[in-house]
Protein backbone atom coordinates (compact mmCIF):
# COMPACT_ATOMS: atom_id res chain seq x y z
CA MET A 1 -76.45 18.30 15.26
CA ILE A 2 -74.82 21.00 15.58
CA ASN A 3 -73.30 22.83 12.47
CA GLY A 4 -70.41 25.43 11.74
CA PRO A 5 -68.74 27.44 11.45
CA THR A 6 -70.66 30.08 13.04
CA SER A 7 -71.47 32.52 10.93
CA ASP A 8 -74.37 33.90 11.95
CA TRP A 9 -75.29 35.79 15.18
CA PRO A 10 -71.86 35.06 16.91
CA LEU A 11 -71.58 35.14 21.00
CA ALA A 12 -69.48 38.76 21.38
CA VAL A 13 -68.14 38.93 25.03
CA CYS A 14 -67.09 42.47 26.40
CA ASP A 15 -64.27 42.84 28.08
CA TYR A 16 -65.03 44.21 31.65
CA GLN A 17 -62.40 46.52 32.25
CA SER A 18 -63.83 48.49 29.78
CA LEU A 19 -66.82 48.60 32.12
CA ASP A 20 -67.63 52.05 33.07
CA ILE A 21 -70.30 50.59 35.81
CA PRO A 22 -71.51 53.45 37.58
CA LEU A 23 -71.94 55.25 33.96
CA ASP A 24 -72.82 51.64 31.62
CA VAL A 25 -74.64 49.10 33.92
CA GLU A 26 -78.01 49.23 35.15
CA GLU A 27 -79.79 45.98 37.67
CA CYS A 28 -83.35 44.77 36.93
CA ASP A 29 -85.67 42.51 36.89
CA ARG A 30 -85.70 39.81 33.81
CA VAL A 31 -89.75 39.43 34.07
CA ALA A 32 -91.72 36.00 32.43
CA TRP A 33 -94.79 34.92 32.63
CA ASP A 34 -93.56 32.08 35.61
CA ARG A 35 -90.97 33.22 37.58
CA THR A 36 -88.89 37.56 37.60
CA THR A 37 -85.31 36.73 38.08
CA GLU A 38 -82.62 39.81 38.34
CA SER A 39 -80.54 40.54 35.26
CA ILE A 40 -78.51 43.84 34.52
CA LEU A 41 -78.63 45.63 31.87
CA LEU A 42 -75.80 47.79 29.27
CA TYR A 43 -76.22 50.90 27.86
CA ALA A 44 -73.66 51.44 24.60
CA ASN A 45 -70.50 52.65 25.29
CA ALA A 46 -68.44 53.19 22.72
CA ALA A 47 -64.71 52.51 25.49
CA HIS A 48 -66.18 49.02 25.40
CA ARG A 49 -64.04 46.45 24.11
CA TRP A 50 -66.24 43.36 22.55
CA HIS A 51 -64.26 40.29 21.16
CA TYR A 52 -65.92 37.25 20.18
CA PHE A 53 -64.45 33.87 17.41
CA HIS A 54 -64.50 34.30 13.78
CA GLY A 55 -66.06 31.01 12.49
CA MET A 56 -66.33 29.41 15.41
CA GLU A 57 -67.06 25.62 14.74
CA PRO A 58 -68.66 22.77 16.48
CA ASN A 59 -65.91 21.52 18.19
CA GLU A 60 -64.44 25.14 20.00
CA VAL A 61 -65.98 26.14 23.36
CA LEU A 62 -65.78 29.43 24.60
CA VAL A 63 -66.05 29.21 28.64
CA PHE A 64 -67.00 32.62 30.70
CA ARG A 65 -67.45 32.92 34.04
CA ASN A 66 -71.12 34.45 34.28
CA CYS A 67 -71.38 35.63 38.01
CA ASP A 68 -69.74 35.18 41.64
CA THR A 69 -70.70 36.07 44.33
CA ARG A 70 -67.65 36.32 46.87
CA GLY A 71 -67.22 39.84 45.36
CA TYR A 72 -64.63 39.34 43.12
CA HIS A 73 -63.39 42.31 41.21
CA VAL A 74 -64.93 40.87 38.10
CA PRO A 75 -68.37 39.87 39.28
CA PHE A 76 -70.32 38.83 35.81
CA GLY A 77 -69.54 37.84 32.25
CA VAL A 78 -71.51 41.09 29.46
CA HIS A 79 -71.87 38.38 26.54
CA VAL A 80 -74.81 38.62 23.83
CA ALA A 81 -75.29 37.44 20.17
CA PHE A 82 -74.63 40.31 17.21
CA ASP A 83 -75.48 40.48 13.72
CA TYR A 84 -71.84 39.61 11.73
CA GLN A 85 -72.40 40.84 7.87
CA SER A 86 -69.82 38.56 7.17
CA GLN A 87 -68.81 38.44 3.02
CA LEU A 88 -66.40 35.76 3.68
CA LEU A 89 -68.49 33.05 4.97
CA PRO A 90 -72.04 31.75 4.46
CA LYS A 91 -74.72 31.84 6.52
CA VAL A 92 -75.43 29.79 8.55
CA PRO A 93 -77.66 30.22 11.45
CA ARG A 94 -76.39 30.15 14.89
CA GLN A 95 -77.04 26.96 17.15
CA SER A 96 -75.92 27.04 20.51
CA ILE A 97 -76.27 24.82 23.98
CA GLU A 98 -76.26 26.62 26.89
CA VAL A 99 -74.72 24.42 29.69
CA ARG A 100 -75.15 26.47 33.88
CA ILE A 101 -72.77 25.19 36.44
CA VAL A 102 -72.62 26.54 39.77
CA CYS A 103 -70.61 25.53 41.75
CA PHE A 104 -69.57 25.38 45.45
CA PHE A 105 -65.56 25.92 47.31
CA ARG A 106 -64.90 25.21 50.95
């Protein structure tokens, strides 16, 4: 069972319009023992605008597009879990379910 509300290491997303792609983003390889995949590194910038949902409950969901091969102006979604020091909510370890869906359109 997934518990809530989320108060420990919540998920945050970065407003893509606040990124300076040439300075903030670098492509990299993620190397595991059985495979290598591509990813990005994001360098900290005070101009980044981060958003998160305070106290998310198990019946709430955050959906975002993480990649787009069509070359639209938002090719990826920067997201991270962060150490949130809330005095208002008890520290309940974050539990999450990650679902990746691939959609093909004609």
